[in-house]
Amino acid sequence: MPWTQRSASTAVGCRAGPTWFRNRTAGEGLQSDLDLVVVANKQERHGNMPAGSKDFDRKNNVEQVIVENPPPGEAVISVIAHSIAVAPQNYALVIRMS
């Protein structure tokens, strides 16, 4: 089951960016693969991928989504398991608005 956080934004002209980190080595041999997904204003963004991309980062153990001037309203931030070699998979999530 994915972990999901709902966050509200009312700021104008700010920068928002959730980042997550899992304690595994990056590279082709990732043991577990988690995806960062942010949905705001009916637009879905994936960690480390350009806006509009449907792809996911399969190499890095740190993913980030930066949203310049996030729209007012709710954003849904999810960490979803693509594959887990050994459960449970620990990770940290940081959400920053500046």
PDB file of N, CA and C in Angstrom:
ATOM      1  N   MET A   1       0.841  -1.178   0.000  1.00  0.00           N
ATOM      2  CA  MET A   1       0.000   0.000   0.000  1.00  0.00           C
ATOM      3  C   MET A   1       0.881   1.235   0.000  1.00  0.00           C
ATOM      4  N   PRO A   2       0.619   2.207  -0.880  1.00  0.00           N
ATOM      5  CA  PRO A   2       1.438   3.413  -0.925  1.00  0.00           C
ATOM      6  C   PRO A   2       1.204   4.295   0.276  1.00  0.00           C
ATOM      7  N   TRP A   3       2.201   5.116   0.578  1.00  0.00           N
ATOM      8  CA  TRP A   3       2.063   6.138   1.602  1.00  0.00           C
ATOM      9  C   TRP A   3       1.670   7.408   0.884  1.00  0.00           C
ATOM     10  N   THR A   4       0.651   8.094   1.389  1.00  0.00           N
ATOM     11  CA  THR A   4       0.157   9.312   0.747  1.00  0.00           C
ATOM     12  C   THR A   4      -0.003  10.414   1.774  1.00  0.00           C
ATOM     13  N   GLN A   5       0.398  11.617   1.377  1.00  0.00           N
ATOM     14  CA  GLN A   5       0.246  12.807   2.218  1.00  0.00           C
ATOM     15  C   GLN A   5      -0.475  13.862   1.402  1.00  0.00           C
ATOM     16  N   ARG A   6      -1.485  14.482   1.979  1.00  0.00           N
ATOM     17  CA  ARG A   6      -2.161  15.585   1.321  1.00  0.00           C
ATOM     18  C   ARG A   6      -1.634  16.879   1.924  1.00  0.00           C
ATOM     19  N   SER A   7      -1.309  17.822   1.065  1.00  0.00           N
ATOM     20  CA  SER A   7      -0.736  19.083   1.510  1.00  0.00           C
ATOM     21  C   SER A   7      -1.458  20.219   0.813  1.00  0.00           C
ATOM     22  N   ALA A   8      -1.752  21.286   1.540  1.00  0.00           N
ATOM     23  CA  ALA A   8      -2.460  22.432   0.959  1.00  0.00           C
ATOM     24  C   ALA A   8      -1.492  23.578   0.728  1.00  0.00           C
ATOM     25  N   SER A   9      -1.649  24.255  -0.404  1.00  0.00           N
ATOM     26  CA  SER A   9      -0.817  25.404  -0.744  1.00  0.00           C
ATOM     27  C   SER A   9      -1.706  26.611  -0.973  1.00  0.00           C
ATOM     28  N   THR A  10      -1.372  27.712  -0.313  1.00  0.00           N
ATOM     29  CA  THR A  10      -2.083  28.964  -0.564  1.00  0.00           C
ATOM     30  C   THR A  10      -1.100  30.052  -0.976  1.00  0.00           C
ATOM     31  N   ALA A  11       0.194  29.721  -0.972  1.00  0.00           N
ATOM     32  CA  ALA A  11       1.218  30.715  -1.290  1.00  0.00           C
ATOM     33  C   ALA A  11       1.289  30.971  -2.784  1.00  0.00           C
ATOM     34  N   VAL A  12       1.598  32.191  -3.138  1.00  0.00           N
ATOM     35  CA  VAL A  12       1.783  32.562  -4.538  1.00  0.00           C
ATOM     36  C   VAL A  12       3.247  32.922  -4.719  1.00  0.00           C
ATOM     37  N   GLY A  13       3.834  32.494  -5.811  1.00  0.00           N
ATOM     38  CA  GLY A  13       5.223  32.821  -6.093  1.00  0.00           C
ATOM     39  C   GLY A  13       6.205  32.052  -5.244  1.00  0.00           C
ATOM     40  N   CYS A  14       5.831  30.867  -4.798  1.00  0.00           N
ATOM     41  CA  CYS A  14       6.742  30.084  -3.974  1.00  0.00           C
ATOM     42  C   CYS A  14       7.227  28.875  -4.764  1.00  0.00           C
ATOM     43  N   ARG A  15       8.058  28.089  -4.139  1.00  0.00           N
ATOM     44  CA  ARG A  15       8.621  26.886  -4.733  1.00  0.00           C
ATOM     45  C   ARG A  15       8.367  25.752  -3.756  1.00  0.00           C
ATOM     46  N   ALA A  16       7.817  24.656  -4.249  1.00  0.00           N
ATOM     47  CA  ALA A  16       7.539  23.507  -3.393  1.00  0.00           C
ATOM     48  C   ALA A  16       8.271  22.308  -3.941  1.00  0.00           C
ATOM     49  N   GLY A  17       8.771  21.475  -3.049  1.00  0.00           N
ATOM     50  CA  GLY A  17       9.478  20.308  -3.534  1.00  0.00           C
ATOM     51  C   GLY A  17       9.601  19.208  -2.511  1.00  0.00           C
ATOM     52  N   PRO A  18       8.838  18.129  -2.682  1.00  0.00           N
ATOM     53  CA  PRO A  18       9.069  16.971  -1.833  1.00  0.00           C
ATOM     54  C   PRO A  18      10.276  16.191  -2.330  1.00  0.00           C
ATOM     55  N   THR A  19      11.030  15.644  -1.417  1.00  0.00           N
ATOM     56  CA  THR A  19      12.182  14.807  -1.727  1.00  0.00           C
ATOM     57  C   THR A  19      12.113  13.583  -0.837  1.00  0.00           C
ATOM     58  N   TRP A  20      12.418  12.410  -1.386  1.00  0.00           N
ATOM     59  CA  TRP A  20      12.496  11.237  -0.538  1.00  0.00           C
ATOM     60  C   TRP A  20      13.827  10.563  -0.760  1.00  0.00           C
ATOM     61  N   PHE A  21      14.269   9.815   0.231  1.00  0.00           N
ATOM     62  CA  PHE A  21      15.546   9.114   0.217  1.00  0.00           C
ATOM     63  C   PHE A  21      15.343   7.740   0.816  1.00  0.00           C
ATOM     64  N   ARG A  22      15.875   6.722   0.166  1.00  0.00           N
ATOM     65  CA  ARG A  22      15.861   5.386   0.765  1.00  0.00           C
ATOM     66  C   ARG A  22      17.290   4.962   1.006  1.00  0.00           C
ATOM     67  N   ASN A  23      17.506   4.209   2.052  1.00  0.00           N
ATOM     68  CA  ASN A  23      18.862   3.870   2.463  1.00  0.00           C
ATOM     69  C   ASN A  23      19.383   2.635   1.732  1.00  0.00           C
ATOM     70  N   ARG A  24      19.476   2.743   0.425  1.00  0.00           N
ATOM     71  CA  ARG A  24      20.044   1.699  -0.418  1.00  0.00           C
ATOM     72  C   ARG A  24      21.016   2.371  -1.381  1.00  0.00           C
ATOM     73  N   THR A  25      21.927   1.612  -1.933  1.00  0.00           N
ATOM     74  CA  THR A  25      22.894   2.138  -2.889  1.00  0.00           C
ATOM     75  C   THR A  25      22.225   2.401  -4.227  1.00  0.00           C
ATOM     76  N   ALA A  26      22.522   3.534  -4.824  1.00  0.00           N
ATOM     77  CA  ALA A  26      21.960   3.864  -6.139  1.00  0.00           C
ATOM     78  C   ALA A  26      22.662   3.060  -7.225  1.00  0.00           C
ATOM     79  N   GLY A  27      22.044   2.976  -8.391  1.00  0.00           N
ATOM     80  CA  GLY A  27      22.655   2.320  -9.538  1.00  0.00           C
ATOM     81  C   GLY A  27      21.783   1.206 -10.086  1.00  0.00           C
ATOM     82  N   GLU A  28      22.366   0.471 -11.026  1.00  0.00           N
ATOM     83  CA  GLU A  28      21.624  -0.591 -11.703  1.00  0.00           C
ATOM     84  C   GLU A  28      21.160  -1.679 -10.742  1.00  0.00           C
ATOM     85  N   GLY A  29      21.853  -1.884  -9.634  1.00  0.00           N
ATOM     86  CA  GLY A  29      21.528  -2.975  -8.737  1.00  0.00           C
ATOM     87  C   GLY A  29      20.621  -2.606  -7.580  1.00  0.00           C
ATOM     88  N   LEU A  30      19.740  -1.626  -7.754  1.00  0.00           N
ATOM     89  CA  LEU A  30      18.832  -1.256  -6.667  1.00  0.00           C
ATOM     90  C   LEU A  30      18.071  -2.482  -6.197  1.00  0.00           C
ATOM     91  N   GLN A  31      18.066  -2.703  -4.898  1.00  0.00           N
ATOM     92  CA  GLN A  31      17.347  -3.846  -4.345  1.00  0.00           C
ATOM     93  C   GLN A  31      15.856  -3.562  -4.274  1.00  0.00           C
ATOM     94  N   SER A  32      15.514  -2.350  -3.950  1.00  0.00           N
ATOM     95  CA  SER A  32      14.115  -1.940  -3.875  1.00  0.00           C
ATOM     96  C   SER A  32      13.971  -0.649  -4.667  1.00  0.00           C
ATOM     97  N   ASP A  33      12.807  -0.430  -5.215  1.00  0.00           N
ATOM     98  CA  ASP A  33      12.581   0.760  -6.036  1.00  0.00           C
ATOM     99  C   ASP A  33      11.265   1.400  -5.632  1.00  0.00           C
ATOM    100  N   LEU A  34      11.362   2.604  -5.062  1.00  0.00           N
ATOM    101  CA  LEU A  34      10.191   3.363  -4.653  1.00  0.00           C
ATOM    102  C   LEU A  34      10.017   4.545  -5.596  1.00  0.00           C
ATOM    103  N   ASP A  35       8.777   4.911  -5.864  1.00  0.00           N
ATOM    104  CA  ASP A  35       8.485   6.029  -6.757  1.00  0.00           C
ATOM    105  C   ASP A  35       7.848   7.178  -5.992  1.00  0.00           C
ATOM    106  N   LEU A  36       8.318   8.402  -6.264  1.00  0.00           N
ATOM    107  CA  LEU A  36       7.725   9.611  -5.718  1.00  0.00           C
ATOM    108  C   LEU A  36       6.766  10.159  -6.763  1.00  0.00           C
ATOM    109  N   VAL A  37       5.501  10.333  -6.377  1.00  0.00           N
ATOM    110  CA  VAL A  37       4.474  10.840  -7.292  1.00  0.00           C
ATOM    111  C   VAL A  37       3.782  12.024  -6.614  1.00  0.00           C
ATOM    112  N   VAL A  38       3.692  13.148  -7.330  1.00  0.00           N
ATOM    113  CA  VAL A  38       3.020  14.337  -6.822  1.00  0.00           C
ATOM    114  C   VAL A  38       1.913  14.706  -7.802  1.00  0.00           C
ATOM    115  N   VAL A  39       0.697  14.852  -7.294  1.00  0.00           N
ATOM    116  CA  VAL A  39      -0.429  15.280  -8.127  1.00  0.00           C
ATOM    117  C   VAL A  39      -0.946  16.601  -7.551  1.00  0.00           C
ATOM    118  N   ALA A  40      -0.898  17.646  -8.384  1.00  0.00           N
ATOM    119  CA  ALA A  40      -1.391  18.968  -8.000  1.00  0.00           C
ATOM    120  C   ALA A  40      -2.061  19.584  -9.213  1.00  0.00           C
ATOM    121  N   ASN A  41      -3.222  20.147  -8.991  1.00  0.00           N
ATOM    122  CA  ASN A  41      -3.951  20.808 -10.071  1.00  0.00           C
ATOM    123  C   ASN A  41      -4.166  19.858 -11.261  1.00  0.00           C
ATOM    124  N   LYS A  42      -4.466  18.607 -10.955  1.00  0.00           N
ATOM    125  CA  LYS A  42      -4.734  17.557 -11.946  1.00  0.00           C
ATOM    126  C   LYS A  42      -3.537  17.219 -12.825  1.00  0.00           C
ATOM    127  N   GLN A  43      -2.329  17.622 -12.394  1.00  0.00           N
ATOM    128  CA  GLN A  43      -1.112  17.285 -13.120  1.00  0.00           C
ATOM    129  C   GLN A  43      -0.263  16.369 -12.255  1.00  0.00           C
ATOM    130  N   GLU A  44       0.193  15.253 -12.848  1.00  0.00           N
ATOM    131  CA  GLU A  44       1.008  14.279 -12.133  1.00  0.00           C
ATOM    132  C   GLU A  44       2.471  14.462 -12.498  1.00  0.00           C
ATOM    133  N   ARG A  45       3.325  14.489 -11.464  1.00  0.00           N
ATOM    134  CA  ARG A  45       4.772  14.601 -11.645  1.00  0.00           C
ATOM    135  C   ARG A  45       5.431  13.420 -10.973  1.00  0.00           C
ATOM    136  N   HIS A  46       6.515  12.927 -11.583  1.00  0.00           N
ATOM    137  CA  HIS A  46       7.277  11.795 -11.057  1.00  0.00           C
ATOM    138  C   HIS A  46       8.675  12.267 -10.659  1.00  0.00           C
ATOM    139  N   GLY A  47       9.213  11.688  -9.593  1.00  0.00           N
ATOM    140  CA  GLY A  47      10.519  12.081  -9.083  1.00  0.00           C
ATOM    141  C   GLY A  47      11.614  12.031 -10.130  1.00  0.00           C
ATOM    142  N   ASN A  48      12.404  13.111 -10.207  1.00  0.00           N
ATOM    143  CA  ASN A  48      13.563  13.268 -11.083  1.00  0.00           C
ATOM    144  C   ASN A  48      13.223  13.288 -12.570  1.00  0.00           C
ATOM    145  N   MET A  49      11.957  13.391 -12.914  1.00  0.00           N
ATOM    146  CA  MET A  49      11.559  13.372 -14.320  1.00  0.00           C
ATOM    147  C   MET A  49      11.010  14.753 -14.713  1.00  0.00           C
ATOM    148  N   PRO A  50      11.166  15.135 -15.984  1.00  0.00           N
ATOM    149  CA  PRO A  50      10.642  16.436 -16.415  1.00  0.00           C
ATOM    150  C   PRO A  50       9.114  16.462 -16.381  1.00  0.00           C
ATOM    151  N   ALA A  51       8.565  17.654 -16.257  1.00  0.00           N
ATOM    152  CA  ALA A  51       7.103  17.813 -16.251  1.00  0.00           C
ATOM    153  C   ALA A  51       6.528  17.179 -17.509  1.00  0.00           C
ATOM    154  N   GLY A  52       5.429  16.469 -17.353  1.00  0.00           N
ATOM    155  CA  GLY A  52       4.763  15.823 -18.474  1.00  0.00           C
ATOM    156  C   GLY A  52       5.243  14.412 -18.770  1.00  0.00           C
ATOM    157  N   SER A  53       6.349  14.006 -18.160  1.00  0.00           N
ATOM    158  CA  SER A  53       6.883  12.663 -18.415  1.00  0.00           C
ATOM    159  C   SER A  53       6.032  11.605 -17.716  1.00  0.00           C
ATOM    160  N   LYS A  54       5.817  10.492 -18.383  1.00  0.00           N
ATOM    161  CA  LYS A  54       5.112   9.347 -17.803  1.00  0.00           C
ATOM    162  C   LYS A  54       6.103   8.330 -17.234  1.00  0.00           C
ATOM    163  N   ASP A  55       7.418   8.573 -17.426  1.00  0.00           N
ATOM    164  CA  ASP A  55       8.460   7.651 -16.981  1.00  0.00           C
ATOM    165  C   ASP A  55       8.752   7.822 -15.492  1.00  0.00           C
ATOM    166  N   PHE A  56       9.454   6.831 -14.932  1.00  0.00           N
ATOM    167  CA  PHE A  56       9.895   6.857 -13.547  1.00  0.00           C
ATOM    168  C   PHE A  56      11.403   6.657 -13.504  1.00  0.00           C
ATOM    169  N   ASP A  57      12.056   7.236 -12.488  1.00  0.00           N
ATOM    170  CA  ASP A  57      13.488   7.074 -12.278  1.00  0.00           C
ATOM    171  C   ASP A  57      13.728   5.694 -11.675  1.00  0.00           C
ATOM    172  N   ARG A  58      14.468   4.836 -12.378  1.00  0.00           N
ATOM    173  CA  ARG A  58      14.743   3.480 -11.912  1.00  0.00           C
ATOM    174  C   ARG A  58      16.177   3.296 -11.431  1.00  0.00           C
ATOM    175  N   LYS A  59      16.979   4.391 -11.354  1.00  0.00           N
ATOM    176  CA  LYS A  59      18.390   4.256 -10.979  1.00  0.00           C
ATOM    177  C   LYS A  59      18.762   4.891  -9.656  1.00  0.00           C
ATOM    178  N   ASN A  60      18.128   5.994  -9.282  1.00  0.00           N
ATOM    179  CA  ASN A  60      18.586   6.779  -8.136  1.00  0.00           C
ATOM    180  C   ASN A  60      17.845   6.441  -6.849  1.00  0.00           C
ATOM    181  N   ASN A  61      18.565   6.561  -5.739  1.00  0.00           N
ATOM    182  CA  ASN A  61      17.953   6.308  -4.439  1.00  0.00           C
ATOM    183  C   ASN A  61      17.484   7.595  -3.767  1.00  0.00           C
ATOM    184  N   VAL A  62      17.548   8.717  -4.469  1.00  0.00           N
ATOM    185  CA  VAL A  62      16.986   9.987  -4.019  1.00  0.00           C
ATOM    186  C   VAL A  62      16.150  10.526  -5.173  1.00  0.00           C
ATOM    187  N   GLU A  63      14.898  10.879  -4.908  1.00  0.00           N
ATOM    188  CA  GLU A  63      14.038  11.457  -5.941  1.00  0.00           C
ATOM    189  C   GLU A  63      13.464  12.770  -5.433  1.00  0.00           C
ATOM    190  N   GLN A  64      13.245  13.697  -6.376  1.00  0.00           N
ATOM    191  CA  GLN A  64      12.739  15.016  -6.014  1.00  0.00           C
ATOM    192  C   GLN A  64      11.806  15.512  -7.113  1.00  0.00           C
ATOM    193  N   VAL A  65      10.776  16.219  -6.702  1.00  0.00           N
ATOM    194  CA  VAL A  65       9.885  16.925  -7.616  1.00  0.00           C
ATOM    195  C   VAL A  65       9.892  18.381  -7.176  1.00  0.00           C
ATOM    196  N   ILE A  66      10.237  19.277  -8.089  1.00  0.00           N
ATOM    197  CA  ILE A  66      10.203  20.716  -7.809  1.00  0.00           C
ATOM    198  C   ILE A  66       9.029  21.303  -8.574  1.00  0.00           C
ATOM    199  N   VAL A  67       8.165  22.023  -7.886  1.00  0.00           N
ATOM    200  CA  VAL A  67       7.021  22.687  -8.518  1.00  0.00           C
ATOM    201  C   VAL A  67       7.206  24.186  -8.312  1.00  0.00           C
ATOM    202  N   GLU A  68       7.488  24.888  -9.396  1.00  0.00           N
ATOM    203  CA  GLU A  68       7.609  26.346  -9.330  1.00  0.00           C
ATOM    204  C   GLU A  68       6.203  26.935  -9.295  1.00  0.00           C
ATOM    205  N   ASN A  69       5.966  27.859  -8.400  1.00  0.00           N
ATOM    206  CA  ASN A  69       4.653  28.509  -8.259  1.00  0.00           C
ATOM    207  C   ASN A  69       3.515  27.490  -8.192  1.00  0.00           C
ATOM    208  N   PRO A  70       3.508  26.665  -7.153  1.00  0.00           N
ATOM    209  CA  PRO A  70       2.447  25.664  -7.058  1.00  0.00           C
ATOM    210  C   PRO A  70       1.074  26.331  -6.988  1.00  0.00           C
ATOM    211  N   PRO A  71       0.096  25.727  -7.630  1.00  0.00           N
ATOM    212  CA  PRO A  71      -1.241  26.315  -7.613  1.00  0.00           C
ATOM    213  C   PRO A  71      -1.859  26.214  -6.228  1.00  0.00           C
ATOM    214  N   PRO A  72      -2.716  27.168  -5.852  1.00  0.00           N
ATOM    215  CA  PRO A  72      -3.428  27.039  -4.581  1.00  0.00           C
ATOM    216  C   PRO A  72      -4.267  25.759  -4.606  1.00  0.00           C
ATOM    217  N   GLY A  73      -4.450  25.178  -3.454  1.00  0.00           N
ATOM    218  CA  GLY A  73      -5.250  23.968  -3.366  1.00  0.00           C
ATOM    219  C   GLY A  73      -4.447  22.810  -2.832  1.00  0.00           C
ATOM    220  N   GLU A  74      -4.973  21.646  -3.043  1.00  0.00           N
ATOM    221  CA  GLU A  74      -4.402  20.434  -2.471  1.00  0.00           C
ATOM    222  C   GLU A  74      -3.428  19.763  -3.426  1.00  0.00           C
ATOM    223  N   ALA A  75      -2.339  19.259  -2.866  1.00  0.00           N
ATOM    224  CA  ALA A  75      -1.402  18.418  -3.593  1.00  0.00           C
ATOM    225  C   ALA A  75      -1.361  17.077  -2.879  1.00  0.00           C
ATOM    226  N   VAL A  76      -1.326  16.005  -3.642  1.00  0.00           N
ATOM    227  CA  VAL A  76      -1.231  14.668  -3.079  1.00  0.00           C
ATOM    228  C   VAL A  76       0.165  14.134  -3.384  1.00  0.00           C
ATOM    229  N   ILE A  77       0.914  13.811  -2.331  1.00  0.00           N
ATOM    230  CA  ILE A  77       2.286  13.327  -2.447  1.00  0.00           C
ATOM    231  C   ILE A  77       2.282  11.863  -2.025  1.00  0.00           C
ATOM    232  N   SER A  78       2.743  10.998  -2.921  1.00  0.00           N
ATOM    233  CA  SER A  78       2.722   9.555  -2.635  1.00  0.00           C
ATOM    234  C   SER A  78       4.095   8.945  -2.850  1.00  0.00           C
ATOM    235  N   VAL A  79       4.441   7.991  -2.001  1.00  0.00           N
ATOM    236  CA  VAL A  79       5.609   7.140  -2.201  1.00  0.00           C
ATOM    237  C   VAL A  79       5.044   5.744  -2.449  1.00  0.00           C
ATOM    238  N   ILE A  80       5.312   5.226  -3.652  1.00  0.00           N
ATOM    239  CA  ILE A  80       4.703   3.973  -4.089  1.00  0.00           C
ATOM    240  C   ILE A  80       5.806   2.971  -4.408  1.00  0.00           C
ATOM    241  N   ALA A  81       5.671   1.750  -3.925  1.00  0.00           N
ATOM    242  CA  ALA A  81       6.658   0.707  -4.193  1.00  0.00           C
ATOM    243  C   ALA A  81       6.498   0.172  -5.608  1.00  0.00           C
ATOM    244  N   HIS A  82       7.567   0.286  -6.391  1.00  0.00           N
ATOM    245  CA  HIS A  82       7.611  -0.365  -7.709  1.00  0.00           C
ATOM    246  C   HIS A  82       8.056  -1.811  -7.513  1.00  0.00           C
ATOM    247  N   SER A  83       9.088  -1.984  -6.685  1.00  0.00           N
ATOM    248  CA  SER A  83       9.541  -3.332  -6.310  1.00  0.00           C
ATOM    249  C   SER A  83      10.245  -3.248  -4.958  1.00  0.00           C
ATOM    250  N   ILE A  84      10.030  -4.267  -4.144  1.00  0.00           N
ATOM    251  CA  ILE A  84      10.647  -4.359  -2.821  1.00  0.00           C
ATOM    252  C   ILE A  84      11.319  -5.728  -2.719  1.00  0.00           C
ATOM    253  N   ALA A  85      12.635  -5.732  -2.522  1.00  0.00           N
ATOM    254  CA  ALA A  85      13.370  -6.993  -2.406  1.00  0.00           C
ATOM    255  C   ALA A  85      13.228  -7.564  -0.998  1.00  0.00           C
ATOM    256  N   VAL A  86      13.372  -6.702  -0.003  1.00  0.00           N
ATOM    257  CA  VAL A  86      13.272  -7.121   1.392  1.00  0.00           C
ATOM    258  C   VAL A  86      12.401  -6.103   2.113  1.00  0.00           C
ATOM    259  N   ALA A  87      11.321  -6.552   2.703  1.00  0.00           N
ATOM    260  CA  ALA A  87      10.418  -5.649   3.432  1.00  0.00           C
ATOM    261  C   ALA A  87      10.758  -5.698   4.914  1.00  0.00           C
ATOM    262  N   PRO A  88      10.518  -4.660   5.664  1.00  0.00           N
ATOM    263  CA  PRO A  88      10.039  -3.358   5.210  1.00  0.00           C
ATOM    264  C   PRO A  88      11.176  -2.534   4.622  1.00  0.00           C
ATOM    265  N   GLN A  89      10.837  -1.619   3.733  1.00  0.00           N
ATOM    266  CA  GLN A  89      11.807  -0.702   3.115  1.00  0.00           C
ATOM    267  C   GLN A  89      11.715   0.640   3.819  1.00  0.00           C
ATOM    268  N   ASN A  90      12.775   1.035   4.505  1.00  0.00           N
ATOM    269  CA  ASN A  90      12.804   2.322   5.193  1.00  0.00           C
ATOM    270  C   ASN A  90      13.081   3.441   4.194  1.00  0.00           C
ATOM    271  N   TYR A  91      12.495   4.599   4.438  1.00  0.00           N
ATOM    272  CA  TYR A  91      12.785   5.792   3.636  1.00  0.00           C
ATOM    273  C   TYR A  91      12.412   7.023   4.445  1.00  0.00           C
ATOM    274  N   ALA A  92      12.901   8.172   3.998  1.00  0.00           N
ATOM    275  CA  ALA A  92      12.564   9.448   4.621  1.00  0.00           C
ATOM    276  C   ALA A  92      11.972  10.343   3.559  1.00  0.00           C
ATOM    277  N   LEU A  93      11.028  11.197   3.958  1.00  0.00           N
ATOM    278  CA  LEU A  93      10.386  12.133   3.046  1.00  0.00           C
ATOM    279  C   LEU A  93      10.474  13.527   3.647  1.00  0.00           C
ATOM    280  N   VAL A  94      10.902  14.494   2.830  1.00  0.00           N
ATOM    281  CA  VAL A  94      10.998  15.885   3.254  1.00  0.00           C
ATOM    282  C   VAL A  94      10.147  16.708   2.305  1.00  0.00           C
ATOM    283  N   ILE A  95       9.292  17.576   2.844  1.00  0.00           N
ATOM    284  CA  ILE A  95       8.468  18.459   2.035  1.00  0.00           C
ATOM    285  C   ILE A  95       8.860  19.887   2.411  1.00  0.00           C
ATOM    286  N   ARG A  96       9.261  20.675   1.420  1.00  0.00           N
ATOM    287  CA  ARG A  96       9.730  22.034   1.680  1.00  0.00           C
ATOM    288  C   ARG A  96       8.996  23.028   0.807  1.00  0.00           C
ATOM    289  N   MET A  97       8.532  24.094   1.417  1.00  0.00           N
ATOM    290  CA  MET A  97       7.924  25.214   0.700  1.00  0.00           C
ATOM    291  C   MET A  97       8.787  26.433   0.963  1.00  0.00           C
ATOM    292  N   SER A  98       9.201  27.105  -0.078  1.00  0.00           N
ATOM    293  CA  SER A  98      10.038  28.312   0.137  1.00  0.00           C
ATOM    294  C   SER A  98       9.631  29.404  -0.819  1.00  0.00           C
TER     295      SER A  98
END
